[in-house]
Amino acid sequence: MAGRRRWSTEEILDAAADLLRTGDAESFSVRRLAAALGTDSSSLYRHFRNKTELLRSLADRILVAALDGYRPEGDWKQRITALALRLRGAFAEQPQVASIWGRYASGGAGSRLAMEEVLQALRTSGLPDERIPACYHRIVVLLSALIAAEAGIGGITSEEYDQGMEQFRVAVLGADPDRFPALAHFARDIRPLGVDRQAAFEDILAAHLAQIETEIP
């Protein structure tokens, strides 16, 4: 009788990515993944100690792919912005994994590559070395929060999006001006969360980097 197939680490991660496209991190389990592969959980635990380690590896693989072919160009702000947009684009391809990255972080090669680039960019900025770790931390927290937040919107269906837009219009354009005077005043200029997200992403990051720049002697 033929023995059970042995799956490689990359094949397991491929299957996990496929499974997450139809679900989320909460419903994902090693047991479900094993069933999808036609094996048992114990065979997967030879590659990953637990679900969290598997999910971290999946997020790290996306970081590696995002940085493949990356070459730093421009000043420190341009480098960090270019890196941020690459990460945003990579996680947009699989938004379920973006929330995993924001929650569990990553400690693999992809994480080290991203950390190294942000730290090197900050070192060229003229910041004192003692300020760089704190600034690095603020940048990474900001990026992971923004990318994970976008993932939540990117994962909804077109029907859910349309329903949300209609609710937004009712809530904003129908606001009682006596009770919500500011909202009524700006109603026609307030934009829904799903609109111009890349521009907002870049604006928020640019404002944060400009704040860091004020710390440079």
N, C-alpha and C. Protein backbone atom coordinates (compact mmCIF):
# COMPACT_ATOMS: atom_id res chain seq x y z
N MET A 1 0.85 -1.18 0.00
CA MET A 1 0.00 0.00 0.00
C MET A 1 0.89 1.24 0.00
N ALA A 2 0.53 2.21 -0.83
CA ALA A 2 1.35 3.42 -0.94
C ALA A 2 1.32 4.22 0.35
N GLY A 3 2.45 4.78 0.71
CA GLY A 3 2.52 5.60 1.92
C GLY A 3 1.85 6.95 1.71
N ARG A 4 1.54 7.58 2.81
CA ARG A 4 0.92 8.91 2.74
C ARG A 4 1.92 9.92 2.19
N ARG A 5 1.39 10.81 1.35
CA ARG A 5 2.27 11.81 0.74
C ARG A 5 2.85 12.74 1.78
N ARG A 6 4.09 13.10 1.60
CA ARG A 6 4.73 14.08 2.48
C ARG A 6 4.70 15.44 1.80
N TRP A 7 4.12 16.41 2.48
CA TRP A 7 4.00 17.75 1.92
C TRP A 7 5.19 18.59 2.34
N SER A 8 5.67 19.41 1.40
CA SER A 8 6.78 20.32 1.72
C SER A 8 6.24 21.54 2.46
N THR A 9 7.16 22.28 3.08
CA THR A 9 6.75 23.49 3.81
C THR A 9 6.07 24.48 2.87
N GLU A 10 6.61 24.66 1.66
CA GLU A 10 6.01 25.60 0.71
C GLU A 10 4.64 25.14 0.26
N GLU A 11 4.45 23.85 0.07
CA GLU A 11 3.14 23.34 -0.33
C GLU A 11 2.12 23.55 0.78
N ILE A 12 2.54 23.39 2.01
CA ILE A 12 1.64 23.62 3.14
C ILE A 12 1.24 25.09 3.21
N LEU A 13 2.21 25.97 3.02
CA LEU A 13 1.91 27.41 3.03
C LEU A 13 1.01 27.80 1.86
N ASP A 14 1.22 27.18 0.70
CA ASP A 14 0.34 27.44 -0.45
C ASP A 14 -1.10 27.06 -0.11
N ALA A 15 -1.27 25.89 0.50
CA ALA A 15 -2.61 25.42 0.85
C ALA A 15 -3.23 26.31 1.92
N ALA A 16 -2.41 26.76 2.88
CA ALA A 16 -2.92 27.66 3.92
C ALA A 16 -3.39 28.98 3.32
N ALA A 17 -2.63 29.50 2.36
CA ALA A 17 -3.02 30.75 1.70
C ALA A 17 -4.33 30.57 0.96
N ASP A 18 -4.50 29.44 0.28
CA ASP A 18 -5.76 29.17 -0.43
C ASP A 18 -6.92 29.07 0.54
N LEU A 19 -6.69 28.42 1.66
CA LEU A 19 -7.75 28.25 2.65
C LEU A 19 -8.17 29.59 3.24
N LEU A 20 -7.20 30.46 3.47
CA LEU A 20 -7.50 31.77 4.04
C LEU A 20 -8.26 32.67 3.07
N ARG A 21 -8.12 32.42 1.77
CA ARG A 21 -8.85 33.24 0.79
C ARG A 21 -10.36 33.05 0.91
N THR A 22 -10.78 31.94 1.46
CA THR A 22 -12.21 31.67 1.61
C THR A 22 -12.66 31.79 3.06
N GLY A 23 -11.77 32.25 3.93
CA GLY A 23 -12.12 32.38 5.34
C GLY A 23 -11.33 33.50 5.97
N ASP A 24 -11.02 33.35 7.26
CA ASP A 24 -10.21 34.34 7.95
C ASP A 24 -9.34 33.64 8.98
N ALA A 25 -8.52 34.43 9.66
CA ALA A 25 -7.58 33.85 10.62
C ALA A 25 -8.29 33.21 11.81
N GLU A 26 -9.48 33.71 12.15
CA GLU A 26 -10.20 33.17 13.30
C GLU A 26 -10.71 31.76 13.01
N SER A 27 -11.25 31.55 11.80
CA SER A 27 -11.81 30.24 11.46
C SER A 27 -10.74 29.26 10.98
N PHE A 28 -9.56 29.77 10.67
CA PHE A 28 -8.48 28.90 10.19
C PHE A 28 -7.97 28.01 11.31
N SER A 29 -7.70 26.77 10.98
CA SER A 29 -7.13 25.84 11.97
C SER A 29 -6.21 24.86 11.27
N VAL A 30 -5.27 24.31 12.01
CA VAL A 30 -4.37 23.30 11.45
C VAL A 30 -5.16 22.07 11.05
N ARG A 31 -6.20 21.74 11.80
CA ARG A 31 -7.02 20.58 11.46
C ARG A 31 -7.70 20.77 10.11
N ARG A 32 -8.26 21.97 9.88
CA ARG A 32 -8.91 22.24 8.59
C ARG A 32 -7.89 22.20 7.46
N LEU A 33 -6.71 22.74 7.71
CA LEU A 33 -5.67 22.72 6.69
C LEU A 33 -5.26 21.29 6.37
N ALA A 34 -5.10 20.47 7.40
CA ALA A 34 -4.73 19.07 7.19
C ALA A 34 -5.79 18.34 6.38
N ALA A 35 -7.05 18.61 6.68
CA ALA A 35 -8.15 17.98 5.94
C ALA A 35 -8.11 18.38 4.47
N ALA A 36 -7.80 19.65 4.20
CA ALA A 36 -7.73 20.13 2.82
C ALA A 36 -6.59 19.45 2.06
N LEU A 37 -5.54 19.08 2.78
CA LEU A 37 -4.40 18.42 2.17
C LEU A 37 -4.55 16.89 2.14
N GLY A 38 -5.60 16.41 2.79
CA GLY A 38 -5.81 14.97 2.83
C GLY A 38 -4.84 14.26 3.74
N THR A 39 -4.47 14.91 4.82
CA THR A 39 -3.53 14.31 5.77
C THR A 39 -4.04 14.58 7.19
N ASP A 40 -3.22 14.31 8.18
CA ASP A 40 -3.62 14.58 9.55
C ASP A 40 -2.75 15.69 10.14
N SER A 41 -3.22 16.28 11.22
CA SER A 41 -2.54 17.44 11.81
C SER A 41 -1.11 17.13 12.22
N SER A 42 -0.87 15.92 12.68
CA SER A 42 0.47 15.58 13.18
C SER A 42 1.53 15.72 12.11
N SER A 43 1.16 15.47 10.84
CA SER A 43 2.15 15.59 9.77
C SER A 43 2.53 17.05 9.53
N LEU A 44 1.60 17.98 9.82
CA LEU A 44 1.90 19.40 9.65
C LEU A 44 2.72 19.93 10.81
N TYR A 45 2.54 19.34 11.99
CA TYR A 45 3.30 19.81 13.16
C TYR A 45 4.78 19.45 13.06
N ARG A 46 5.14 18.65 12.07
CA ARG A 46 6.56 18.41 11.83
C ARG A 46 7.22 19.64 11.20
N HIS A 47 6.39 20.47 10.56
CA HIS A 47 6.89 21.69 9.91
C HIS A 47 6.69 22.93 10.77
N PHE A 48 5.57 22.98 11.49
CA PHE A 48 5.22 24.15 12.31
C PHE A 48 4.75 23.68 13.68
N ARG A 49 5.24 24.31 14.71
CA ARG A 49 4.89 23.88 16.07
C ARG A 49 3.43 24.12 16.41
N ASN A 50 2.84 25.16 15.84
CA ASN A 50 1.46 25.49 16.15
C ASN A 50 0.89 26.39 15.05
N LYS A 51 -0.39 26.74 15.19
CA LYS A 51 -1.07 27.58 14.21
C LYS A 51 -0.40 28.95 14.09
N THR A 52 -0.02 29.54 15.20
CA THR A 52 0.57 30.88 15.16
C THR A 52 1.87 30.88 14.37
N GLU A 53 2.70 29.87 14.57
CA GLU A 53 3.96 29.79 13.83
C GLU A 53 3.70 29.64 12.34
N LEU A 54 2.70 28.87 11.98
CA LEU A 54 2.35 28.69 10.57
C LEU A 54 1.89 30.01 9.95
N LEU A 55 1.02 30.73 10.66
CA LEU A 55 0.51 32.00 10.15
C LEU A 55 1.62 33.04 10.05
N ARG A 56 2.53 33.05 11.01
CA ARG A 56 3.66 33.97 10.94
C ARG A 56 4.52 33.66 9.71
N SER A 57 4.72 32.39 9.44
CA SER A 57 5.52 32.01 8.27
C SER A 57 4.84 32.44 6.99
N LEU A 58 3.52 32.35 6.96
CA LEU A 58 2.77 32.77 5.78
C LEU A 58 2.91 34.28 5.57
N ALA A 59 2.79 35.05 6.64
CA ALA A 59 2.96 36.50 6.53
C ALA A 59 4.38 36.84 6.12
N ASP A 60 5.35 36.11 6.65
CA ASP A 60 6.74 36.41 6.32
C ASP A 60 7.04 36.11 4.87
N ARG A 61 6.38 35.09 4.33
CA ARG A 61 6.59 34.78 2.91
C ARG A 61 6.12 35.93 2.02
N ILE A 62 5.06 36.60 2.43
CA ILE A 62 4.57 37.75 1.68
C ILE A 62 5.58 38.90 1.76
N LEU A 63 6.18 39.08 2.93
CA LEU A 63 7.22 40.11 3.06
C LEU A 63 8.40 39.82 2.14
N VAL A 64 8.81 38.57 2.07
CA VAL A 64 9.92 38.18 1.20
C VAL A 64 9.58 38.50 -0.26
N ALA A 65 8.36 38.13 -0.67
CA ALA A 65 7.94 38.39 -2.05
C ALA A 65 7.87 39.89 -2.33
N ALA A 66 7.41 40.67 -1.35
CA ALA A 66 7.30 42.11 -1.53
C ALA A 66 8.66 42.76 -1.75
N LEU A 67 9.68 42.21 -1.11
CA LEU A 67 11.01 42.81 -1.18
C LEU A 67 11.88 42.19 -2.26
N ASP A 68 11.33 41.22 -2.98
CA ASP A 68 12.09 40.61 -4.07
C ASP A 68 12.32 41.65 -5.17
N GLY A 69 13.57 41.90 -5.49
CA GLY A 69 13.91 42.88 -6.52
C GLY A 69 13.92 44.32 -6.05
N TYR A 70 13.63 44.53 -4.77
CA TYR A 70 13.61 45.90 -4.25
C TYR A 70 15.03 46.48 -4.21
N ARG A 71 15.16 47.72 -4.67
CA ARG A 71 16.43 48.44 -4.60
C ARG A 71 16.16 49.81 -4.01
N PRO A 72 16.80 50.16 -2.90
CA PRO A 72 16.54 51.47 -2.27
C PRO A 72 16.99 52.61 -3.17
N GLU A 73 16.11 53.60 -3.32
CA GLU A 73 16.42 54.77 -4.13
C GLU A 73 15.88 56.02 -3.43
N GLY A 74 16.56 57.14 -3.64
CA GLY A 74 16.10 58.40 -3.10
C GLY A 74 16.57 58.63 -1.67
N ASP A 75 15.99 59.66 -1.05
CA ASP A 75 16.36 59.97 0.33
C ASP A 75 15.64 59.03 1.29
N TRP A 76 15.83 59.24 2.57
CA TRP A 76 15.31 58.30 3.56
C TRP A 76 13.78 58.24 3.54
N LYS A 77 13.13 59.36 3.32
CA LYS A 77 11.67 59.37 3.29
C LYS A 77 11.16 58.65 2.05
N GLN A 78 11.82 58.83 0.93
CA GLN A 78 11.42 58.14 -0.29
C GLN A 78 11.61 56.64 -0.16
N ARG A 79 12.69 56.23 0.50
CA ARG A 79 12.94 54.80 0.70
C ARG A 79 11.86 54.16 1.56
N ILE A 80 11.53 54.81 2.65
CA ILE A 80 10.51 54.24 3.54
C ILE A 80 9.14 54.23 2.86
N THR A 81 8.84 55.29 2.11
CA THR A 81 7.57 55.34 1.40
C THR A 81 7.48 54.25 0.34
N ALA A 82 8.56 54.05 -0.41
CA ALA A 82 8.58 53.00 -1.44
C ALA A 82 8.40 51.63 -0.82
N LEU A 83 9.08 51.40 0.29
CA LEU A 83 8.94 50.12 0.99
C LEU A 83 7.51 49.92 1.48
N ALA A 84 6.94 50.98 2.06
CA ALA A 84 5.58 50.89 2.58
C ALA A 84 4.58 50.55 1.49
N LEU A 85 4.73 51.17 0.32
CA LEU A 85 3.81 50.91 -0.78
C LEU A 85 3.97 49.50 -1.33
N ARG A 86 5.20 48.98 -1.31
CA ARG A 86 5.40 47.59 -1.73
C ARG A 86 4.71 46.63 -0.77
N LEU A 87 4.82 46.89 0.52
CA LEU A 87 4.16 46.04 1.51
C LEU A 87 2.65 46.13 1.37
N ARG A 88 2.15 47.34 1.20
CA ARG A 88 0.71 47.53 1.02
C ARG A 88 0.20 46.75 -0.17
N GLY A 89 0.93 46.84 -1.30
CA GLY A 89 0.51 46.13 -2.50
C GLY A 89 0.56 44.63 -2.34
N ALA A 90 1.60 44.14 -1.66
CA ALA A 90 1.74 42.69 -1.48
C ALA A 90 0.62 42.12 -0.61
N PHE A 91 0.30 42.80 0.48
CA PHE A 91 -0.75 42.30 1.37
C PHE A 91 -2.14 42.51 0.78
N ALA A 92 -2.28 43.45 -0.16
CA ALA A 92 -3.57 43.64 -0.81
C ALA A 92 -3.96 42.42 -1.63
N GLU A 93 -2.95 41.65 -2.08
CA GLU A 93 -3.21 40.44 -2.84
C GLU A 93 -3.84 39.36 -1.96
N GLN A 94 -3.54 39.40 -0.67
CA GLN A 94 -4.16 38.45 0.26
C GLN A 94 -4.46 39.18 1.56
N PRO A 95 -5.57 39.91 1.61
CA PRO A 95 -5.87 40.76 2.75
C PRO A 95 -6.02 40.01 4.07
N GLN A 96 -6.42 38.73 4.01
CA GLN A 96 -6.57 37.98 5.26
C GLN A 96 -5.23 37.85 5.99
N VAL A 97 -4.15 37.78 5.22
CA VAL A 97 -2.83 37.62 5.84
C VAL A 97 -2.33 38.94 6.41
N ALA A 98 -2.84 40.06 5.90
CA ALA A 98 -2.42 41.36 6.43
C ALA A 98 -2.80 41.50 7.89
N SER A 99 -4.00 41.04 8.25
CA SER A 99 -4.41 41.12 9.64
C SER A 99 -3.56 40.19 10.51
N ILE A 100 -3.12 39.09 9.94
CA ILE A 100 -2.23 38.17 10.66
C ILE A 100 -0.90 38.85 10.95
N TRP A 101 -0.36 39.55 9.96
CA TRP A 101 0.91 40.26 10.15
C TRP A 101 0.77 41.32 11.24
N GLY A 102 -0.35 42.06 11.21
CA GLY A 102 -0.56 43.07 12.23
C GLY A 102 -0.72 42.50 13.62
N ARG A 103 -1.27 41.29 13.70
CA ARG A 103 -1.53 40.69 15.01
C ARG A 103 -0.35 39.90 15.54
N TYR A 104 0.23 39.06 14.69
CA TYR A 104 1.27 38.14 15.16
C TYR A 104 2.69 38.59 14.86
N ALA A 105 2.83 39.58 13.94
CA ALA A 105 4.15 40.00 13.48
C ALA A 105 4.85 38.84 12.79
N SER A 106 6.15 38.92 12.64
CA SER A 106 6.89 37.90 11.92
C SER A 106 8.35 37.98 12.34
N GLY A 107 9.01 36.85 12.34
CA GLY A 107 10.41 36.87 12.75
C GLY A 107 11.32 36.21 11.75
N GLY A 108 10.85 36.05 10.51
CA GLY A 108 11.63 35.36 9.50
C GLY A 108 12.46 36.29 8.65
N ALA A 109 12.89 35.75 7.50
CA ALA A 109 13.77 36.51 6.60
C ALA A 109 13.10 37.77 6.08
N GLY A 110 11.83 37.68 5.74
CA GLY A 110 11.12 38.85 5.23
C GLY A 110 11.06 39.96 6.24
N SER A 111 10.80 39.60 7.48
CA SER A 111 10.74 40.59 8.55
C SER A 111 12.10 41.27 8.72
N ARG A 112 13.16 40.48 8.69
CA ARG A 112 14.50 41.05 8.85
C ARG A 112 14.85 41.99 7.69
N LEU A 113 14.44 41.62 6.48
CA LEU A 113 14.71 42.48 5.33
C LEU A 113 14.00 43.83 5.47
N ALA A 114 12.74 43.80 5.88
CA ALA A 114 11.99 45.04 6.05
C ALA A 114 12.57 45.88 7.18
N MET A 115 12.89 45.24 8.30
CA MET A 115 13.48 45.95 9.43
C MET A 115 14.79 46.60 9.03
N GLU A 116 15.62 45.85 8.31
CA GLU A 116 16.93 46.37 7.90
C GLU A 116 16.78 47.61 7.02
N GLU A 117 15.84 47.57 6.09
CA GLU A 117 15.67 48.71 5.18
C GLU A 117 15.17 49.95 5.93
N VAL A 118 14.21 49.79 6.82
CA VAL A 118 13.72 50.95 7.58
C VAL A 118 14.83 51.52 8.45
N LEU A 119 15.57 50.66 9.12
CA LEU A 119 16.64 51.13 10.00
C LEU A 119 17.76 51.81 9.20
N GLN A 120 18.11 51.22 8.05
CA GLN A 120 19.16 51.84 7.23
C GLN A 120 18.71 53.21 6.72
N ALA A 121 17.44 53.29 6.30
CA ALA A 121 16.92 54.57 5.81
C ALA A 121 16.97 55.62 6.92
N LEU A 122 16.58 55.23 8.11
CA LEU A 122 16.59 56.17 9.23
C LEU A 122 18.01 56.60 9.59
N ARG A 123 18.96 55.71 9.42
CA ARG A 123 20.35 56.07 9.73
C ARG A 123 20.88 57.12 8.75
N THR A 124 20.37 57.10 7.51
CA THR A 124 20.82 58.10 6.54
C THR A 124 20.10 59.44 6.72
N SER A 125 19.09 59.47 7.60
CA SER A 125 18.30 60.70 7.78
C SER A 125 19.03 61.76 8.58
N GLY A 126 20.01 61.34 9.36
CA GLY A 126 20.69 62.27 10.25
C GLY A 126 20.17 62.22 11.67
N LEU A 127 19.18 61.35 11.93
CA LEU A 127 18.72 61.18 13.31
C LEU A 127 19.84 60.64 14.18
N PRO A 128 19.90 61.06 15.43
CA PRO A 128 20.85 60.44 16.36
C PRO A 128 20.51 58.96 16.55
N ASP A 129 21.53 58.13 16.69
CA ASP A 129 21.30 56.69 16.83
C ASP A 129 20.33 56.36 17.97
N GLU A 130 20.40 57.14 19.05
CA GLU A 130 19.55 56.81 20.20
C GLU A 130 18.06 57.04 19.91
N ARG A 131 17.73 57.82 18.88
CA ARG A 131 16.33 58.07 18.54
C ARG A 131 15.79 57.09 17.49
N ILE A 132 16.68 56.40 16.80
CA ILE A 132 16.25 55.56 15.68
C ILE A 132 15.34 54.40 16.11
N PRO A 133 15.65 53.64 17.17
CA PRO A 133 14.75 52.53 17.53
C PRO A 133 13.31 52.98 17.80
N ALA A 134 13.14 54.11 18.50
CA ALA A 134 11.78 54.58 18.81
C ALA A 134 11.06 55.01 17.53
N CYS A 135 11.77 55.69 16.63
CA CYS A 135 11.15 56.11 15.37
C CYS A 135 10.82 54.91 14.50
N TYR A 136 11.71 53.94 14.49
CA TYR A 136 11.44 52.70 13.75
C TYR A 136 10.16 52.05 14.25
N HIS A 137 10.03 51.95 15.56
CA HIS A 137 8.86 51.29 16.15
C HIS A 137 7.58 52.02 15.76
N ARG A 138 7.60 53.34 15.80
CA ARG A 138 6.41 54.12 15.44
C ARG A 138 6.04 53.90 13.97
N ILE A 139 7.02 53.82 13.10
CA ILE A 139 6.75 53.61 11.68
C ILE A 139 6.12 52.24 11.45
N VAL A 140 6.68 51.22 12.07
CA VAL A 140 6.17 49.86 11.86
C VAL A 140 4.77 49.69 12.43
N VAL A 141 4.52 50.27 13.60
CA VAL A 141 3.17 50.20 14.17
C VAL A 141 2.18 50.89 13.24
N LEU A 142 2.55 52.04 12.71
CA LEU A 142 1.68 52.77 11.80
C LEU A 142 1.39 51.95 10.55
N LEU A 143 2.43 51.40 9.93
CA LEU A 143 2.25 50.65 8.69
C LEU A 143 1.41 49.40 8.91
N SER A 144 1.70 48.65 9.96
CA SER A 144 0.93 47.42 10.20
C SER A 144 -0.53 47.74 10.48
N ALA A 145 -0.79 48.84 11.19
CA ALA A 145 -2.17 49.23 11.49
C ALA A 145 -2.91 49.66 10.22
N LEU A 146 -2.26 50.47 9.39
CA LEU A 146 -2.89 50.93 8.16
C LEU A 146 -3.16 49.78 7.20
N ILE A 147 -2.16 48.91 7.04
CA ILE A 147 -2.31 47.80 6.10
C ILE A 147 -3.36 46.81 6.59
N ALA A 148 -3.38 46.53 7.89
CA ALA A 148 -4.38 45.61 8.44
C ALA A 148 -5.78 46.21 8.33
N ALA A 149 -5.89 47.53 8.54
CA ALA A 149 -7.20 48.19 8.42
C ALA A 149 -7.71 48.11 6.99
N GLU A 150 -6.82 48.32 6.02
CA GLU A 150 -7.22 48.21 4.62
C GLU A 150 -7.63 46.79 4.28
N ALA A 151 -6.99 45.82 4.91
CA ALA A 151 -7.33 44.43 4.64
C ALA A 151 -8.77 44.14 5.02
N GLY A 152 -9.23 44.75 6.11
CA GLY A 152 -10.61 44.52 6.53
C GLY A 152 -11.60 45.00 5.50
N ILE A 153 -11.28 46.10 4.84
CA ILE A 153 -12.17 46.62 3.79
C ILE A 153 -11.98 45.84 2.50
N GLY A 154 -10.73 45.47 2.20
CA GLY A 154 -10.47 44.74 0.97
C GLY A 154 -11.10 43.36 0.93
N GLY A 155 -11.42 42.82 2.11
CA GLY A 155 -11.98 41.47 2.14
C GLY A 155 -13.49 41.40 2.01
N ILE A 156 -14.18 42.55 1.92
CA ILE A 156 -15.64 42.51 1.84
C ILE A 156 -16.09 42.32 0.40
N THR A 157 -17.30 41.81 0.23
CA THR A 157 -17.84 41.58 -1.10
C THR A 157 -18.34 42.90 -1.69
N SER A 158 -18.58 42.90 -3.01
CA SER A 158 -19.11 44.10 -3.66
C SER A 158 -20.48 44.47 -3.12
N GLU A 159 -21.27 43.46 -2.78
CA GLU A 159 -22.59 43.72 -2.22
C GLU A 159 -22.48 44.38 -0.85
N GLU A 160 -21.56 43.88 -0.04
CA GLU A 160 -21.35 44.48 1.28
C GLU A 160 -20.82 45.91 1.15
N TYR A 161 -19.96 46.13 0.16
CA TYR A 161 -19.41 47.47 -0.06
C TYR A 161 -20.52 48.44 -0.44
N ASP A 162 -21.39 48.01 -1.36
CA ASP A 162 -22.49 48.88 -1.79
C ASP A 162 -23.43 49.19 -0.63
N GLN A 163 -23.70 48.19 0.21
CA GLN A 163 -24.54 48.42 1.38
C GLN A 163 -23.90 49.44 2.32
N GLY A 164 -22.57 49.30 2.49
CA GLY A 164 -21.86 50.24 3.36
C GLY A 164 -21.89 51.66 2.82
N MET A 165 -21.76 51.80 1.49
CA MET A 165 -21.82 53.13 0.89
C MET A 165 -23.20 53.76 1.09
N GLU A 166 -24.24 52.96 0.95
CA GLU A 166 -25.59 53.48 1.14
C GLU A 166 -25.81 53.91 2.59
N GLN A 167 -25.33 53.10 3.53
CA GLN A 167 -25.45 53.46 4.94
C GLN A 167 -24.66 54.73 5.25
N PHE A 168 -23.50 54.87 4.61
CA PHE A 168 -22.70 56.08 4.80
C PHE A 168 -23.46 57.31 4.32
N ARG A 169 -24.06 57.22 3.14
CA ARG A 169 -24.81 58.36 2.60
C ARG A 169 -25.97 58.74 3.51
N VAL A 170 -26.67 57.73 4.01
CA VAL A 170 -27.80 58.00 4.90
C VAL A 170 -27.31 58.66 6.19
N ALA A 171 -26.23 58.11 6.75
CA ALA A 171 -25.71 58.62 8.03
C ALA A 171 -25.18 60.04 7.91
N VAL A 172 -24.52 60.34 6.79
CA VAL A 172 -23.88 61.64 6.64
C VAL A 172 -24.81 62.68 6.05
N LEU A 173 -25.37 62.38 4.88
CA LEU A 173 -26.22 63.37 4.21
C LEU A 173 -27.55 63.56 4.92
N GLY A 174 -27.94 62.56 5.71
CA GLY A 174 -29.20 62.68 6.42
C GLY A 174 -29.06 63.13 7.86
N ALA A 175 -27.86 63.59 8.22
CA ALA A 175 -27.62 63.99 9.61
C ALA A 175 -28.45 65.22 9.98
N ASP A 176 -29.04 65.20 11.15
CA ASP A 176 -29.84 66.33 11.67
C ASP A 176 -28.89 67.49 11.98
N PRO A 177 -29.01 68.63 11.28
CA PRO A 177 -28.07 69.74 11.50
C PRO A 177 -28.16 70.36 12.90
N ASP A 178 -29.28 70.17 13.58
CA ASP A 178 -29.39 70.71 14.94
C ASP A 178 -28.58 69.85 15.92
N ARG A 179 -28.61 68.55 15.70
CA ARG A 179 -27.89 67.65 16.62
C ARG A 179 -26.44 67.44 16.18
N PHE A 180 -26.20 67.45 14.87
CA PHE A 180 -24.85 67.21 14.34
C PHE A 180 -24.47 68.36 13.40
N PRO A 181 -24.29 69.55 13.94
CA PRO A 181 -24.03 70.72 13.08
C PRO A 181 -22.75 70.61 12.26
N ALA A 182 -21.68 70.10 12.85
CA ALA A 182 -20.41 70.00 12.11
C ALA A 182 -20.53 68.96 11.00
N LEU A 183 -21.15 67.83 11.30
CA LEU A 183 -21.32 66.79 10.30
C LEU A 183 -22.18 67.29 9.14
N ALA A 184 -23.25 68.00 9.46
CA ALA A 184 -24.10 68.55 8.41
C ALA A 184 -23.35 69.57 7.56
N HIS A 185 -22.49 70.34 8.20
CA HIS A 185 -21.73 71.38 7.49
C HIS A 185 -20.76 70.77 6.48
N PHE A 186 -20.09 69.68 6.88
CA PHE A 186 -19.07 69.07 6.03
C PHE A 186 -19.58 67.85 5.26
N ALA A 187 -20.87 67.58 5.33
CA ALA A 187 -21.43 66.32 4.81
C ALA A 187 -21.02 66.03 3.37
N ARG A 188 -21.06 67.02 2.51
CA ARG A 188 -20.78 66.77 1.09
C ARG A 188 -19.29 66.66 0.79
N ASP A 189 -18.46 66.95 1.76
CA ASP A 189 -17.01 66.84 1.55
C ASP A 189 -16.38 65.64 2.28
N ILE A 190 -17.13 65.04 3.20
CA ILE A 190 -16.62 63.86 3.91
C ILE A 190 -16.64 62.67 2.98
N ARG A 191 -15.52 61.95 2.94
CA ARG A 191 -15.41 60.82 2.01
C ARG A 191 -15.49 59.49 2.77
N PRO A 192 -16.10 58.49 2.15
CA PRO A 192 -16.19 57.17 2.79
C PRO A 192 -14.82 56.55 2.97
N LEU A 193 -14.73 55.58 3.88
CA LEU A 193 -13.45 54.94 4.17
C LEU A 193 -12.85 54.25 2.95
N GLY A 194 -13.70 53.73 2.08
CA GLY A 194 -13.19 52.96 0.95
C GLY A 194 -12.69 53.80 -0.21
N VAL A 195 -12.77 55.12 -0.13
CA VAL A 195 -12.41 55.98 -1.25
C VAL A 195 -11.00 56.55 -1.08
N ASP A 196 -10.23 56.53 -2.17
CA ASP A 196 -8.88 57.12 -2.19
C ASP A 196 -8.01 56.64 -1.04
N ARG A 197 -8.02 55.36 -0.81
CA ARG A 197 -7.27 54.83 0.34
C ARG A 197 -5.76 54.93 0.14
N GLN A 198 -5.29 54.76 -1.09
CA GLN A 198 -3.84 54.87 -1.29
C GLN A 198 -3.38 56.30 -1.03
N ALA A 199 -4.15 57.28 -1.50
CA ALA A 199 -3.77 58.68 -1.26
C ALA A 199 -3.76 58.97 0.23
N ALA A 200 -4.77 58.46 0.95
CA ALA A 200 -4.80 58.67 2.40
C ALA A 200 -3.63 57.98 3.07
N PHE A 201 -3.32 56.76 2.61
CA PHE A 201 -2.18 56.00 3.14
C PHE A 201 -0.90 56.81 2.99
N GLU A 202 -0.67 57.35 1.79
CA GLU A 202 0.55 58.12 1.55
C GLU A 202 0.56 59.42 2.35
N ASP A 203 -0.59 60.07 2.47
CA ASP A 203 -0.65 61.32 3.24
C ASP A 203 -0.34 61.09 4.72
N ILE A 204 -0.91 60.03 5.27
CA ILE A 204 -0.69 59.73 6.69
C ILE A 204 0.79 59.40 6.94
N LEU A 205 1.35 58.58 6.05
CA LEU A 205 2.77 58.22 6.20
C LEU A 205 3.65 59.46 6.03
N ALA A 206 3.35 60.30 5.04
CA ALA A 206 4.16 61.50 4.80
C ALA A 206 4.12 62.43 6.01
N ALA A 207 2.94 62.57 6.61
CA ALA A 207 2.83 63.43 7.80
C ALA A 207 3.66 62.87 8.95
N HIS A 208 3.66 61.54 9.09
CA HIS A 208 4.43 60.92 10.17
C HIS A 208 5.93 61.09 9.93
N LEU A 209 6.36 60.90 8.70
CA LEU A 209 7.78 61.07 8.39
C LEU A 209 8.21 62.53 8.55
N ALA A 210 7.33 63.45 8.21
CA ALA A 210 7.63 64.87 8.40
C ALA A 210 7.81 65.18 9.88
N GLN A 211 7.02 64.54 10.73
CA GLN A 211 7.16 64.73 12.17
C GLN A 211 8.51 64.20 12.66
N ILE A 212 8.90 63.04 12.14
CA ILE A 212 10.20 62.48 12.50
C ILE A 212 11.32 63.43 12.04
N GLU A 213 11.13 64.04 10.88
CA GLU A 213 12.15 64.93 10.34
C GLU A 213 12.42 66.12 11.26
N THR A 214 11.42 66.54 12.02
CA THR A 214 11.62 67.66 12.94
C THR A 214 12.56 67.29 14.08
N GLU A 215 12.79 65.99 14.28
CA GLU A 215 13.70 65.54 15.35
C GLU A 215 15.15 65.50 14.90
N ILE A 216 15.38 65.70 13.59
CA ILE A 216 16.75 65.64 13.08
C ILE A 216 17.48 66.94 13.46
N PRO A 217 18.62 66.86 14.10
CA PRO A 217 19.36 68.06 14.51
C PRO A 217 19.69 68.95 13.31
